[in-house]
């Protein structure tokens, strides 16, 4: 067995039920990975800002694959970023405008998140493990518009997504992919969150862009996930682990099962499989 890269999702996978992780234990694990020249890669549906906040003190030692594979950041530099076509997002807004009270559509630039003034407050009632400070920082970026079609003309759309009650997620994903599937992909990130990506962009695609210059093959990748936005990643990786708390589709796709995120399952497997075997 030769593992040359470790990749993990965040919420429900690497992070515990309080939205954090054991920094002392992670420091020990990361130090051993570095000695073996094994990169540690964060692959998340979250934006880069939240990931950097989570990994303060480690930010120059790991790779960040944010926005479900659409953004790669390493050592202070954005290596690549996929942006969304404004015309397509305007069509998306028009299509879901009649459901604005149910579907909170969020359209973001680098610095601002725009939502309709009639939309519910995103993540106001959620099981997502996030601190009050992190949630407030998220809310502080919001600008409410009378109509989302009034987006500033100079805004570059870097991310779009929905927050909806979890019982509406499946229908939203199905409808969005039926209507816009030629150009966009809707994928659930868990906890009522649905990301809108350019067609063909996902965590496995982004990971491949990172690994090719490093000469690392998919068969040499150890990956962890829990939600449906991890499916391509887990199908891609040679050593794929679904968390004990993962969705049924994820458990079916992954080759192996890791202990729950509440038991630091990612660190357990790395310690046993990688550090104990090398």
C-alpha atoms as a PDB file:
ATOM      1  CA  UNK A   1       0.000   0.000   0.000  1.00  0.00           C
ATOM      2  CA  UNK A   2       1.315   3.425  -0.971  1.00  0.00           C
ATOM      3  CA  UNK A   3      -0.751   6.489  -0.084  1.00  0.00           C
ATOM      4  CA  UNK A   4       0.632   9.736  -1.482  1.00  0.00           C
ATOM      5  CA  UNK A   5      -2.180  12.209  -0.698  1.00  0.00           C
ATOM      6  CA  UNK A   6      -4.876  12.605   1.965  1.00  0.00           C
ATOM      7  CA  UNK A   7      -8.102  14.450   1.101  1.00  0.00           C
ATOM      8  CA  UNK A   8     -10.996  15.177   3.412  1.00  0.00           C
ATOM      9  CA  UNK A   9     -14.342  16.915   3.424  1.00  0.00           C
ATOM     10  CA  UNK A  10     -15.058  19.196   6.397  1.00  0.00           C
ATOM     11  CA  UNK A  11     -18.595  19.367   7.860  1.00  0.00           C
ATOM     12  CA  UNK A  12     -19.756  15.962   9.050  1.00  0.00           C
ATOM     13  CA  UNK A  13     -16.386  14.444   8.128  1.00  0.00           C
ATOM     14  CA  UNK A  14     -13.267  16.082   9.570  1.00  0.00           C
ATOM     15  CA  UNK A  15     -15.004  18.547  11.900  1.00  0.00           C
ATOM     16  CA  UNK A  16     -16.626  17.355  15.109  1.00  0.00           C
ATOM     17  CA  UNK A  17     -20.147  18.092  16.314  1.00  0.00           C
ATOM     18  CA  UNK A  18     -19.008  21.519  17.547  1.00  0.00           C
ATOM     19  CA  UNK A  19     -17.532  22.492  14.189  1.00  0.00           C
ATOM     20  CA  UNK A  20     -13.924  22.149  15.332  1.00  0.00           C
ATOM     21  CA  UNK A  21     -11.134  19.590  15.591  1.00  0.00           C
ATOM     22  CA  UNK A  22      -8.391  18.477  17.974  1.00  0.00           C
ATOM     23  CA  UNK A  23      -5.639  20.876  16.945  1.00  0.00           C
ATOM     24  CA  UNK A  24      -2.948  19.176  19.032  1.00  0.00           C
ATOM     25  CA  UNK A  25      -3.684  15.772  17.535  1.00  0.00           C
ATOM     26  CA  UNK A  26      -3.894  17.245  14.042  1.00  0.00           C
ATOM     27  CA  UNK A  27      -0.525  18.953  14.508  1.00  0.00           C
ATOM     28  CA  UNK A  28       1.052  15.574  15.315  1.00  0.00           C
ATOM     29  CA  UNK A  29      -0.591  13.907  12.322  1.00  0.00           C
ATOM     30  CA  UNK A  30       0.282  16.729   9.925  1.00  0.00           C
ATOM     31  CA  UNK A  31       3.900  16.718  11.055  1.00  0.00           C
ATOM     32  CA  UNK A  32       4.154  13.005  10.281  1.00  0.00           C
ATOM     33  CA  UNK A  33       2.480  13.446   6.889  1.00  0.00           C
ATOM     34  CA  UNK A  34       4.945  16.214   6.050  1.00  0.00           C
ATOM     35  CA  UNK A  35       7.874  13.961   6.924  1.00  0.00           C
ATOM     36  CA  UNK A  36       6.504  11.454   4.413  1.00  0.00           C
ATOM     37  CA  UNK A  37       5.829  14.228   1.846  1.00  0.00           C
ATOM     38  CA  UNK A  38       2.115  13.387   1.831  1.00  0.00           C
ATOM     39  CA  UNK A  39      -0.008  16.507   1.182  1.00  0.00           C
ATOM     40  CA  UNK A  40      -3.085  17.104   3.332  1.00  0.00           C
ATOM     41  CA  UNK A  41      -5.898  18.517   1.187  1.00  0.00           C
ATOM     42  CA  UNK A  42      -9.129  20.060   2.447  1.00  0.00           C
ATOM     43  CA  UNK A  43     -11.954  19.539  -0.088  1.00  0.00           C
ATOM     44  CA  UNK A  44     -15.099  21.375   0.960  1.00  0.00           C
ATOM     45  CA  UNK A  45     -18.239  23.046  -0.270  1.00  0.00           C
ATOM     46  CA  UNK A  46     -17.385  25.918   2.048  1.00  0.00           C
ATOM     47  CA  UNK A  47     -15.908  29.164   0.846  1.00  0.00           C
ATOM     48  CA  UNK A  48     -12.216  29.809   1.267  1.00  0.00           C
ATOM     49  CA  UNK A  49     -12.700  32.401   4.011  1.00  0.00           C
ATOM     50  CA  UNK A  50     -14.291  29.912   6.411  1.00  0.00           C
ATOM     51  CA  UNK A  51     -11.652  27.263   5.673  1.00  0.00           C
ATOM     52  CA  UNK A  52      -8.811  29.671   6.367  1.00  0.00           C
ATOM     53  CA  UNK A  53     -10.525  30.657   9.607  1.00  0.00           C
ATOM     54  CA  UNK A  54     -10.783  27.001  10.653  1.00  0.00           C
ATOM     55  CA  UNK A  55      -7.119  26.300   9.935  1.00  0.00           C
ATOM     56  CA  UNK A  56      -5.473  29.405  11.368  1.00  0.00           C
ATOM     57  CA  UNK A  57      -1.867  28.468  12.062  1.00  0.00           C
ATOM     58  CA  UNK A  58      -1.895  25.646   9.510  1.00  0.00           C
ATOM     59  CA  UNK A  59      -2.839  27.632   6.397  1.00  0.00           C
ATOM     60  CA  UNK A  60       0.607  27.486   4.770  1.00  0.00           C
ATOM     61  CA  UNK A  61       0.994  23.758   5.373  1.00  0.00           C
ATOM     62  CA  UNK A  62      -2.110  22.375   3.671  1.00  0.00           C
ATOM     63  CA  UNK A  63      -3.943  22.600   0.347  1.00  0.00           C
ATOM     64  CA  UNK A  64      -7.423  24.154   0.140  1.00  0.00           C
ATOM     65  CA  UNK A  65      -9.957  22.968  -2.438  1.00  0.00           C
ATOM     66  CA  UNK A  66     -12.985  25.160  -1.705  1.00  0.00           C
ATOM     67  CA  UNK A  67     -16.407  25.689  -3.316  1.00  0.00           C
ATOM     68  CA  UNK A  68     -16.797  21.987  -4.150  1.00  0.00           C
ATOM     69  CA  UNK A  69     -13.707  21.911  -6.327  1.00  0.00           C
ATOM     70  CA  UNK A  70     -14.112  25.300  -7.959  1.00  0.00           C
ATOM     71  CA  UNK A  71     -11.292  27.060  -6.115  1.00  0.00           C
ATOM     72  CA  UNK A  72      -7.743  25.896  -5.343  1.00  0.00           C
ATOM     73  CA  UNK A  73      -5.677  27.910  -2.870  1.00  0.00           C
ATOM     74  CA  UNK A  74      -2.178  27.161  -1.591  1.00  0.00           C
ATOM     75  CA  UNK A  75       0.337  29.172   0.417  1.00  0.00           C
ATOM     76  CA  UNK A  76      -1.380  32.513  -0.003  1.00  0.00           C
ATOM     77  CA  UNK A  77      -2.190  32.170  -3.700  1.00  0.00           C
ATOM     78  CA  UNK A  78      -5.361  31.295  -5.590  1.00  0.00           C
ATOM     79  CA  UNK A  79      -4.131  28.799  -8.177  1.00  0.00           C
ATOM     80  CA  UNK A  80      -7.437  28.548 -10.047  1.00  0.00           C
ATOM     81  CA  UNK A  81     -11.047  29.570  -9.613  1.00  0.00           C
ATOM     82  CA  UNK A  82     -14.122  28.760 -11.650  1.00  0.00           C
ATOM     83  CA  UNK A  83     -16.698  31.538 -11.936  1.00  0.00           C
ATOM     84  CA  UNK A  84     -20.362  31.222 -12.828  1.00  0.00           C
ATOM     85  CA  UNK A  85     -21.902  32.596 -16.007  1.00  0.00           C
ATOM     86  CA  UNK A  86     -24.028  35.612 -15.090  1.00  0.00           C
ATOM     87  CA  UNK A  87     -26.658  34.881 -17.740  1.00  0.00           C
ATOM     88  CA  UNK A  88     -27.186  31.355 -16.383  1.00  0.00           C
ATOM     89  CA  UNK A  89     -27.488  32.614 -12.814  1.00  0.00           C
ATOM     90  CA  UNK A  90     -30.050  35.208 -13.900  1.00  0.00           C
ATOM     91  CA  UNK A  91     -32.064  32.397 -15.506  1.00  0.00           C
ATOM     92  CA  UNK A  92     -31.770  30.445 -12.255  1.00  0.00           C
ATOM     93  CA  UNK A  93     -33.044  33.443 -10.295  1.00  0.00           C
ATOM     94  CA  UNK A  94     -36.037  33.874 -12.618  1.00  0.00           C
ATOM     95  CA  UNK A  95     -36.918  30.190 -12.424  1.00  0.00           C
ATOM     96  CA  UNK A  96     -36.994  30.070  -8.622  1.00  0.00           C
ATOM     97  CA  UNK A  97     -38.384  33.552  -7.948  1.00  0.00           C
ATOM     98  CA  UNK A  98     -41.904  32.189  -7.306  1.00  0.00           C
ATOM     99  CA  UNK A  99     -40.447  30.049  -4.484  1.00  0.00           C
ATOM    100  CA  UNK A 100     -38.416  32.823  -2.862  1.00  0.00           C
ATOM    101  CA  UNK A 101     -40.131  32.328   0.502  1.00  0.00           C
ATOM    102  CA  UNK A 102     -39.091  28.646   0.569  1.00  0.00           C
ATOM    103  CA  UNK A 103     -35.787  28.605  -1.299  1.00  0.00           C
ATOM    104  CA  UNK A 104     -33.113  30.973  -0.043  1.00  0.00           C
ATOM    105  CA  UNK A 105     -30.957  31.500  -3.131  1.00  0.00           C
ATOM    106  CA  UNK A 106     -27.550  32.973  -2.309  1.00  0.00           C
ATOM    107  CA  UNK A 107     -25.403  34.542  -5.042  1.00  0.00           C
ATOM    108  CA  UNK A 108     -21.906  35.586  -4.025  1.00  0.00           C
ATOM    109  CA  UNK A 109     -18.999  37.676  -5.171  1.00  0.00           C
ATOM    110  CA  UNK A 110     -15.625  37.611  -3.431  1.00  0.00           C
ATOM    111  CA  UNK A 111     -16.765  39.935  -0.659  1.00  0.00           C
ATOM    112  CA  UNK A 112     -20.572  39.940  -0.622  1.00  0.00           C
ATOM    113  CA  UNK A 113     -23.457  37.487  -0.551  1.00  0.00           C
ATOM    114  CA  UNK A 114     -26.687  38.665  -2.175  1.00  0.00           C
ATOM    115  CA  UNK A 115     -30.099  37.270  -1.280  1.00  0.00           C
ATOM    116  CA  UNK A 116     -33.674  38.370  -1.922  1.00  0.00           C
ATOM    117  CA  UNK A 117     -35.177  40.508   0.828  1.00  0.00           C
ATOM    118  CA  UNK A 118     -38.120  38.073   1.026  1.00  0.00           C
ATOM    119  CA  UNK A 119     -35.911  35.007   1.486  1.00  0.00           C
ATOM    120  CA  UNK A 120     -35.509  33.350   4.894  1.00  0.00           C
ATOM    121  CA  UNK A 121     -32.313  33.944   6.854  1.00  0.00           C
ATOM    122  CA  UNK A 122     -29.882  31.201   5.749  1.00  0.00           C
ATOM    123  CA  UNK A 123     -28.870  28.621   8.366  1.00  0.00           C
ATOM    124  CA  UNK A 124     -30.930  30.344  11.084  1.00  0.00           C
ATOM    125  CA  UNK A 125     -32.190  26.967  12.265  1.00  0.00           C
ATOM    126  CA  UNK A 126     -29.745  24.233  11.343  1.00  0.00           C
ATOM    127  CA  UNK A 127     -27.883  21.254  12.772  1.00  0.00           C
ATOM    128  CA  UNK A 128     -24.711  22.439  11.047  1.00  0.00           C
ATOM    129  CA  UNK A 129     -21.845  22.444  13.539  1.00  0.00           C
ATOM    130  CA  UNK A 130     -20.802  26.067  13.430  1.00  0.00           C
ATOM    131  CA  UNK A 131     -20.029  28.538  16.190  1.00  0.00           C
ATOM    132  CA  UNK A 132     -22.151  31.613  16.778  1.00  0.00           C
ATOM    133  CA  UNK A 133     -19.182  33.748  15.757  1.00  0.00           C
ATOM    134  CA  UNK A 134     -18.738  31.865  12.472  1.00  0.00           C
ATOM    135  CA  UNK A 135     -22.449  32.118  11.709  1.00  0.00           C
ATOM    136  CA  UNK A 136     -22.472  35.843  12.443  1.00  0.00           C
ATOM    137  CA  UNK A 137     -19.441  36.357  10.182  1.00  0.00           C
ATOM    138  CA  UNK A 138     -21.381  34.539   7.442  1.00  0.00           C
ATOM    139  CA  UNK A 139     -24.444  36.731   7.987  1.00  0.00           C
ATOM    140  CA  UNK A 140     -22.356  39.907   8.018  1.00  0.00           C
ATOM    141  CA  UNK A 141     -21.540  39.354   4.336  1.00  0.00           C
ATOM    142  CA  UNK A 142     -25.216  39.365   3.315  1.00  0.00           C
ATOM    143  CA  UNK A 143     -26.761  42.181   1.305  1.00  0.00           C
ATOM    144  CA  UNK A 144     -30.509  41.848   0.745  1.00  0.00           C
ATOM    145  CA  UNK A 145     -31.929  43.101  -2.542  1.00  0.00           C
ATOM    146  CA  UNK A 146     -35.569  43.807  -3.478  1.00  0.00           C
ATOM    147  CA  UNK A 147     -34.932  41.494  -6.424  1.00  0.00           C
ATOM    148  CA  UNK A 148     -31.876  39.297  -6.966  1.00  0.00           C
ATOM    149  CA  UNK A 149     -31.856  40.345 -10.604  1.00  0.00           C
ATOM    150  CA  UNK A 150     -30.633  43.721  -9.323  1.00  0.00           C
ATOM    151  CA  UNK A 151     -27.147  42.311  -8.729  1.00  0.00           C
ATOM    152  CA  UNK A 152     -24.460  44.978  -9.217  1.00  0.00           C
ATOM    153  CA  UNK A 153     -23.379  45.051 -12.843  1.00  0.00           C
ATOM    154  CA  UNK A 154     -19.714  44.728 -11.906  1.00  0.00           C
ATOM    155  CA  UNK A 155     -20.177  41.779  -9.519  1.00  0.00           C
ATOM    156  CA  UNK A 156     -18.238  38.658 -10.529  1.00  0.00           C
ATOM    157  CA  UNK A 157     -20.315  35.661  -9.485  1.00  0.00           C
ATOM    158  CA  UNK A 158     -17.986  33.251  -7.735  1.00  0.00           C
ATOM    159  CA  UNK A 159     -20.542  31.059  -5.990  1.00  0.00           C
ATOM    160  CA  UNK A 160     -24.254  30.327  -5.928  1.00  0.00           C
ATOM    161  CA  UNK A 161     -26.291  28.030  -3.761  1.00  0.00           C
ATOM    162  CA  UNK A 162     -29.504  27.470  -1.869  1.00  0.00           C
ATOM    163  CA  UNK A 163     -30.403  26.962   1.731  1.00  0.00           C
ATOM    164  CA  UNK A 164     -33.742  25.182   2.137  1.00  0.00           C
ATOM    165  CA  UNK A 165     -35.490  22.995   4.714  1.00  0.00           C
ATOM    166  CA  UNK A 166     -33.955  19.536   4.431  1.00  0.00           C
ATOM    167  CA  UNK A 167     -37.237  17.955   3.342  1.00  0.00           C
ATOM    168  CA  UNK A 168     -37.145  20.138   0.184  1.00  0.00           C
ATOM    169  CA  UNK A 169     -33.552  19.368  -0.815  1.00  0.00           C
ATOM    170  CA  UNK A 170     -34.185  16.290  -2.972  1.00  0.00           C
ATOM    171  CA  UNK A 171     -36.937  17.951  -5.040  1.00  0.00           C
ATOM    172  CA  UNK A 172     -34.851  21.103  -5.505  1.00  0.00           C
ATOM    173  CA  UNK A 173     -31.787  19.175  -6.682  1.00  0.00           C
ATOM    174  CA  UNK A 174     -33.875  17.086  -9.089  1.00  0.00           C
ATOM    175  CA  UNK A 175     -35.693  20.098 -10.547  1.00  0.00           C
ATOM    176  CA  UNK A 176     -32.557  22.206 -10.884  1.00  0.00           C
ATOM    177  CA  UNK A 177     -30.633  19.475 -12.665  1.00  0.00           C
ATOM    178  CA  UNK A 178     -33.547  18.752 -14.999  1.00  0.00           C
ATOM    179  CA  UNK A 179     -33.929  22.410 -15.984  1.00  0.00           C
ATOM    180  CA  UNK A 180     -30.299  23.585 -15.959  1.00  0.00           C
ATOM    181  CA  UNK A 181     -28.369  20.322 -16.188  1.00  0.00           C
ATOM    182  CA  UNK A 182     -26.839  21.120 -19.572  1.00  0.00           C
ATOM    183  CA  UNK A 183     -24.733  23.886 -18.031  1.00  0.00           C
ATOM    184  CA  UNK A 184     -25.030  23.705 -14.232  1.00  0.00           C
ATOM    185  CA  UNK A 185     -24.964  21.035 -11.543  1.00  0.00           C
ATOM    186  CA  UNK A 186     -26.911  21.175  -8.287  1.00  0.00           C
ATOM    187  CA  UNK A 187     -25.468  19.053  -5.490  1.00  0.00           C
ATOM    188  CA  UNK A 188     -26.356  18.780  -1.834  1.00  0.00           C
ATOM    189  CA  UNK A 189     -23.674  19.546   0.719  1.00  0.00           C
ATOM    190  CA  UNK A 190     -25.827  18.444   3.658  1.00  0.00           C
ATOM    191  CA  UNK A 191     -27.684  20.433   6.319  1.00  0.00           C
ATOM    192  CA  UNK A 192     -30.111  21.944   3.780  1.00  0.00           C
ATOM    193  CA  UNK A 193     -27.328  23.386   1.638  1.00  0.00           C
ATOM    194  CA  UNK A 194     -27.370  22.963  -2.151  1.00  0.00           C
ATOM    195  CA  UNK A 195     -24.426  24.209  -4.213  1.00  0.00           C
ATOM    196  CA  UNK A 196     -24.704  25.309  -7.851  1.00  0.00           C
ATOM    197  CA  UNK A 197     -21.596  24.467  -9.869  1.00  0.00           C
ATOM    198  CA  UNK A 198     -20.522  24.834 -13.487  1.00  0.00           C
ATOM    199  CA  UNK A 199     -21.150  21.518 -15.242  1.00  0.00           C
ATOM    200  CA  UNK A 200     -18.140  19.236 -14.854  1.00  0.00           C
ATOM    201  CA  UNK A 201     -16.775  20.945 -11.748  1.00  0.00           C
ATOM    202  CA  UNK A 202     -16.736  18.850  -8.569  1.00  0.00           C
ATOM    203  CA  UNK A 203     -14.271  17.812  -5.900  1.00  0.00           C
ATOM    204  CA  UNK A 204     -12.713  15.034  -7.984  1.00  0.00           C
ATOM    205  CA  UNK A 205     -12.172  17.399 -10.905  1.00  0.00           C
ATOM    206  CA  UNK A 206     -10.516  19.987  -8.679  1.00  0.00           C
ATOM    207  CA  UNK A 207      -8.410  17.355  -6.943  1.00  0.00           C
ATOM    208  CA  UNK A 208      -7.131  16.053 -10.259  1.00  0.00           C
ATOM    209  CA  UNK A 209      -5.879  19.553 -11.133  1.00  0.00           C
ATOM    210  CA  UNK A 210      -3.864  19.524  -7.894  1.00  0.00           C
ATOM    211  CA  UNK A 211      -2.487  16.007  -8.179  1.00  0.00           C
ATOM    212  CA  UNK A 212      -1.416  15.911 -11.827  1.00  0.00           C
ATOM    213  CA  UNK A 213       1.511  18.360 -11.402  1.00  0.00           C
ATOM    214  CA  UNK A 214       2.558  16.408  -8.304  1.00  0.00           C
ATOM    215  CA  UNK A 215       2.630  13.137 -10.217  1.00  0.00           C
ATOM    216  CA  UNK A 216       0.103  11.500  -7.881  1.00  0.00           C
ATOM    217  CA  UNK A 217      -2.371   8.970  -9.279  1.00  0.00           C
ATOM    218  CA  UNK A 218      -5.963   8.559  -8.097  1.00  0.00           C
ATOM    219  CA  UNK A 219      -5.088   5.056  -6.895  1.00  0.00           C
ATOM    220  CA  UNK A 220      -2.689   6.626  -4.371  1.00  0.00           C
ATOM    221  CA  UNK A 221      -5.292   8.916  -2.770  1.00  0.00           C
ATOM    222  CA  UNK A 222      -6.929   8.440   0.635  1.00  0.00           C
ATOM    223  CA  UNK A 223     -10.248  10.337   0.764  1.00  0.00           C
ATOM    224  CA  UNK A 224     -13.028  10.881   3.305  1.00  0.00           C
ATOM    225  CA  UNK A 225     -16.592  12.168   2.924  1.00  0.00           C
ATOM    226  CA  UNK A 226     -20.143  12.044   4.246  1.00  0.00           C
ATOM    227  CA  UNK A 227     -22.473  13.899   1.835  1.00  0.00           C
ATOM    228  CA  UNK A 228     -23.543  13.604  -1.786  1.00  0.00           C
ATOM    229  CA  UNK A 229     -21.145  16.348  -2.888  1.00  0.00           C
ATOM    230  CA  UNK A 230     -18.386  13.867  -1.972  1.00  0.00           C
ATOM    231  CA  UNK A 231     -19.572  11.126  -4.352  1.00  0.00           C
ATOM    232  CA  UNK A 232     -17.242  11.956  -7.252  1.00  0.00           C
ATOM    233  CA  UNK A 233     -14.308  12.339  -4.861  1.00  0.00           C
ATOM    234  CA  UNK A 234     -14.908   8.952  -3.267  1.00  0.00           C
ATOM    235  CA  UNK A 235     -15.407   7.255  -6.625  1.00  0.00           C
ATOM    236  CA  UNK A 236     -12.111   8.788  -7.786  1.00  0.00           C
ATOM    237  CA  UNK A 237      -9.903   7.869  -4.830  1.00  0.00           C
ATOM    238  CA  UNK A 238      -8.163   4.528  -4.540  1.00  0.00           C
ATOM    239  CA  UNK A 239      -8.775   4.441  -0.791  1.00  0.00           C
ATOM    240  CA  UNK A 240     -12.206   5.964  -0.151  1.00  0.00           C
ATOM    241  CA  UNK A 241     -13.828   6.140   3.275  1.00  0.00           C
ATOM    242  CA  UNK A 242     -17.422   6.992   4.116  1.00  0.00           C
ATOM    243  CA  UNK A 243     -17.927   8.278   7.621  1.00  0.00           C
ATOM    244  CA  UNK A 244     -20.122   6.194   9.892  1.00  0.00           C
ATOM    245  CA  UNK A 245     -22.616   9.085   9.797  1.00  0.00           C
ATOM    246  CA  UNK A 246     -22.531   9.353   5.965  1.00  0.00           C
ATOM    247  CA  UNK A 247     -25.519   9.306   3.636  1.00  0.00           C
ATOM    248  CA  UNK A 248     -26.586   5.983   2.156  1.00  0.00           C
ATOM    249  CA  UNK A 249     -25.296   6.920  -1.312  1.00  0.00           C
ATOM    250  CA  UNK A 250     -21.902   7.824   0.114  1.00  0.00           C
ATOM    251  CA  UNK A 251     -21.665   4.565   2.050  1.00  0.00           C
ATOM    252  CA  UNK A 252     -22.491   2.646  -1.119  1.00  0.00           C
ATOM    253  CA  UNK A 253     -19.896   4.539  -3.186  1.00  0.00           C
ATOM    254  CA  UNK A 254     -16.971   4.378  -0.755  1.00  0.00           C
ATOM    255  CA  UNK A 255     -14.840   1.270  -0.411  1.00  0.00           C
ATOM    256  CA  UNK A 256     -14.434   1.480   3.366  1.00  0.00           C
ATOM    257  CA  UNK A 257     -16.075   2.954   6.471  1.00  0.00           C
ATOM    258  CA  UNK A 258     -14.448   5.292   9.007  1.00  0.00           C
ATOM    259  CA  UNK A 259     -15.610   6.037  12.556  1.00  0.00           C
ATOM    260  CA  UNK A 260     -17.997   8.972  12.938  1.00  0.00           C
ATOM    261  CA  UNK A 261     -16.856  12.570  12.724  1.00  0.00           C
ATOM    262  CA  UNK A 262     -17.738  12.849  16.420  1.00  0.00           C
ATOM    263  CA  UNK A 263     -15.013  10.265  17.121  1.00  0.00           C
ATOM    264  CA  UNK A 264     -12.336  11.997  15.006  1.00  0.00           C
ATOM    265  CA  UNK A 265     -12.657   9.187  12.479  1.00  0.00           C
ATOM    266  CA  UNK A 266     -10.504  10.878   9.835  1.00  0.00           C
ATOM    267  CA  UNK A 267      -7.534  11.240  12.168  1.00  0.00           C
ATOM    268  CA  UNK A 268      -8.029   7.687  13.443  1.00  0.00           C
ATOM    269  CA  UNK A 269      -7.815   6.210   9.952  1.00  0.00           C
ATOM    270  CA  UNK A 270      -4.816   8.348   8.957  1.00  0.00           C
ATOM    271  CA  UNK A 271      -2.967   7.290  12.103  1.00  0.00           C
ATOM    272  CA  UNK A 272      -3.760   3.607  11.595  1.00  0.00           C
ATOM    273  CA  UNK A 273      -3.573   3.285   7.822  1.00  0.00           C
ATOM    274  CA  UNK A 274      -0.901   5.784   6.808  1.00  0.00           C
ATOM    275  CA  UNK A 275       1.276   6.570   9.784  1.00  0.00           C
ATOM    276  CA  UNK A 276       1.125   3.088  11.246  1.00  0.00           C
ATOM    277  CA  UNK A 277       1.969   1.476   7.901  1.00  0.00           C
ATOM    278  CA  UNK A 278       4.895   3.692   6.912  1.00  0.00           C
END
